[in-house]
Amino acid sequence: MIQFSLKCADGHTFDSWFQSAEAFDKLSKSGMIACAVCGGVDVEKAIMAPRVRTARKAVSGADSEPGPLSEPASPAEQALAEIKKKIEENSDYVGSDFASEARAIHNGDSPERSIYGEARVDDAKALIDDGIPVAPLPFRPQRKSN
């Protein structure tokens, strides 16, 4: 696994993990990497400073030990975890049927309710163009099994 600092065409910066540098290149060429802030797909690697751990810090314990990966590491991650929990508790997960279900709710063919799921970028843009309010989530929904 490798972590890259990324930057979109609008200047937003964010970090993301990839299986390899080749995996990043393949995903980038296919338009599968989107800005974590605005959703734009014109994303490239930003200049990164290497993380170097000196032997002295490693031996003396000057670095703080990271907590378990299952716990949020920062206040921002904690806030995202709370948003995710609230969305999952108060909305119906519709999976890859999000675009069609959002359109059915808007047209009155399905009951009014909050939903979340996955949609392709072009499907989400079509919903917005048709006046159907949608917003990207700051997290990837976990696929639920029935």
Protein backbone atom coordinates (compact mmCIF):
# COMPACT_ATOMS: atom_id res chain seq x y z
CA MET A 1 0.00 0.00 0.00
CA ILE A 2 1.15 3.55 -0.73
CA GLN A 3 -0.25 6.90 0.35
CA PHE A 4 -0.25 9.81 -2.07
CA SER A 5 -1.00 13.47 -1.48
CA LEU A 6 -3.40 14.48 -4.25
CA LYS A 7 -4.59 17.80 -5.68
CA CYS A 8 -7.59 18.53 -7.91
CA ALA A 9 -7.86 21.14 -10.66
CA ASP A 10 -9.62 23.48 -8.19
CA GLY A 11 -6.65 23.33 -5.80
CA HIS A 12 -8.16 21.07 -3.12
CA THR A 13 -5.61 18.78 -1.49
CA PHE A 14 -6.24 15.42 0.17
CA ASP A 15 -4.50 12.11 0.83
CA SER A 16 -5.51 8.67 -0.35
CA TRP A 17 -4.11 5.13 -0.20
CA PHE A 18 -3.51 2.94 -3.25
CA GLN A 19 -2.37 -0.63 -3.73
CA SER A 20 0.60 0.60 -5.78
CA ALA A 21 1.78 3.51 -7.92
CA GLU A 22 0.59 1.54 -10.97
CA ALA A 23 -2.87 1.17 -9.40
CA PHE A 24 -3.05 4.96 -8.94
CA ASP A 25 -2.06 5.52 -12.59
CA LYS A 26 -4.67 3.03 -13.84
CA LEU A 27 -7.46 4.51 -11.69
CA SER A 28 -6.48 8.06 -12.61
CA LYS A 29 -6.51 7.34 -16.37
CA SER A 30 -9.97 5.77 -16.11
CA GLY A 31 -11.40 8.76 -14.17
CA MET A 32 -12.03 6.68 -11.07
CA ILE A 33 -10.29 9.07 -8.64
CA ALA A 34 -12.40 12.00 -7.47
CA CYS A 35 -11.56 14.97 -5.26
CA ALA A 36 -12.60 14.34 -1.66
CA VAL A 37 -13.78 17.97 -1.41
CA CYS A 38 -15.55 18.85 -4.69
CA GLY A 39 -15.87 15.50 -6.49
CA GLY A 40 -13.87 16.66 -9.53
CA VAL A 41 -12.09 13.89 -11.41
CA ASP A 42 -9.15 16.02 -12.68
CA VAL A 43 -6.82 14.82 -9.88
CA GLU A 44 -3.04 14.52 -9.86
CA LYS A 45 -0.31 13.71 -7.37
CA ALA A 46 0.79 16.68 -5.28
CA ILE A 47 4.29 17.32 -4.02
CA MET A 48 4.88 15.17 -0.95
CA ALA A 49 7.37 15.36 1.88
CA PRO A 50 8.73 11.94 2.79
CA ARG A 51 8.01 10.61 6.26
CA VAL A 52 11.33 9.73 7.80
CA ARG A 53 11.51 8.20 11.23
CA THR A 54 14.85 8.71 12.92
CA ALA A 55 16.37 5.88 14.94
CA ARG A 56 16.56 8.12 18.03
CA LYS A 57 12.82 8.84 18.02
CA ALA A 58 11.99 5.20 17.40
CA VAL A 59 14.20 4.04 20.30
CA SER A 60 13.32 6.80 22.77
CA GLY A 61 9.60 6.52 22.16
CA ALA A 62 9.36 10.23 21.29
CA ASP A 63 6.76 9.39 18.63
CA SER A 64 3.33 8.80 20.06
CA GLU A 65 1.95 5.36 19.34
CA PRO A 66 -1.04 5.45 17.01
CA GLY A 67 -4.30 4.10 18.38
CA PRO A 68 -6.22 1.17 16.92
CA LEU A 69 -7.25 1.63 13.29
CA SER A 70 -10.88 1.13 14.31
CA GLU A 71 -10.84 4.41 16.30
CA PRO A 72 -10.88 7.89 14.70
CA ALA A 73 -7.38 9.41 14.75
CA SER A 74 -8.41 13.07 14.76
CA PRO A 75 -11.37 15.34 15.55
CA ALA A 76 -12.13 15.49 11.81
CA GLU A 77 -12.32 11.70 11.60
CA GLN A 78 -14.53 11.67 14.70
CA ALA A 79 -16.89 14.20 13.09
CA LEU A 80 -17.04 12.10 9.90
CA ALA A 81 -17.78 8.98 11.94
CA GLU A 82 -20.66 10.80 13.66
CA ILE A 83 -22.06 12.05 10.33
CA LYS A 84 -21.85 8.53 8.89
CA LYS A 85 -23.65 7.06 11.91
CA LYS A 86 -26.42 9.68 11.74
CA ILE A 87 -26.95 9.12 7.99
CA GLU A 88 -27.03 5.33 8.40
CA GLU A 89 -29.51 5.54 11.31
CA ASN A 90 -31.88 7.99 9.59
CA SER A 91 -31.76 6.95 5.93
CA ASP A 92 -32.47 3.92 3.78
CA TYR A 93 -29.52 2.34 1.98
CA VAL A 94 -30.51 1.70 -1.67
CA GLY A 95 -27.10 0.65 -3.01
CA SER A 96 -26.48 1.05 -6.73
CA ASP A 97 -30.18 1.85 -7.27
CA PHE A 98 -29.61 5.34 -5.80
CA ALA A 99 -30.14 7.32 -9.02
CA SER A 100 -33.33 5.51 -10.04
CA GLU A 101 -34.73 5.59 -6.49
CA ALA A 102 -33.95 9.32 -6.08
CA ARG A 103 -35.73 10.00 -9.38
CA ALA A 104 -38.73 7.85 -8.32
CA ILE A 105 -39.02 9.73 -5.01
CA HIS A 106 -38.79 13.07 -6.83
CA ASN A 107 -41.50 12.02 -9.31
CA GLY A 108 -43.78 10.72 -6.53
CA ASP A 109 -43.52 7.10 -7.68
CA SER A 110 -41.81 6.03 -4.44
CA PRO A 111 -42.48 7.14 -0.85
CA GLU A 112 -40.70 10.31 0.36
CA ARG A 113 -37.73 9.42 2.57
CA SER A 114 -34.01 10.00 3.03
CA ILE A 115 -31.85 7.58 1.05
CA TYR A 116 -28.17 6.97 0.42
CA GLY A 117 -26.22 4.69 -1.87
CA GLU A 118 -23.90 4.77 -4.86
CA ALA A 119 -24.27 6.50 -8.21
CA ARG A 120 -21.99 7.04 -11.16
CA VAL A 121 -20.82 10.63 -11.64
CA ASP A 122 -22.83 11.03 -14.86
CA ASP A 123 -26.00 9.73 -13.17
CA ALA A 124 -25.54 12.15 -10.24
CA LYS A 125 -25.01 15.06 -12.65
CA ALA A 126 -28.19 14.08 -14.54
CA LEU A 127 -30.15 14.13 -11.26
CA ILE A 128 -28.82 17.61 -10.46
CA ASP A 129 -29.56 18.84 -14.00
CA ASP A 130 -33.16 17.63 -13.53
CA GLY A 131 -33.51 19.59 -10.26
CA ILE A 132 -33.33 16.54 -8.00
CA PRO A 133 -31.34 17.48 -4.86
CA VAL A 134 -28.41 15.13 -4.21
CA ALA A 135 -25.09 15.53 -2.43
CA PRO A 136 -21.94 13.42 -2.28
CA LEU A 137 -21.20 11.78 1.04
CA PRO A 138 -17.85 12.34 2.75
CA PHE A 139 -17.48 8.56 3.11
CA ARG A 140 -18.04 5.42 1.07
CA PRO A 141 -21.19 3.61 2.19
CA GLN A 142 -20.69 0.08 3.44
CA ARG A 143 -22.59 -2.38 1.35
CA LYS A 144 -25.30 -3.96 3.45
CA SER A 145 -26.43 -7.50 2.91
CA ASN A 146 -30.05 -8.45 3.42
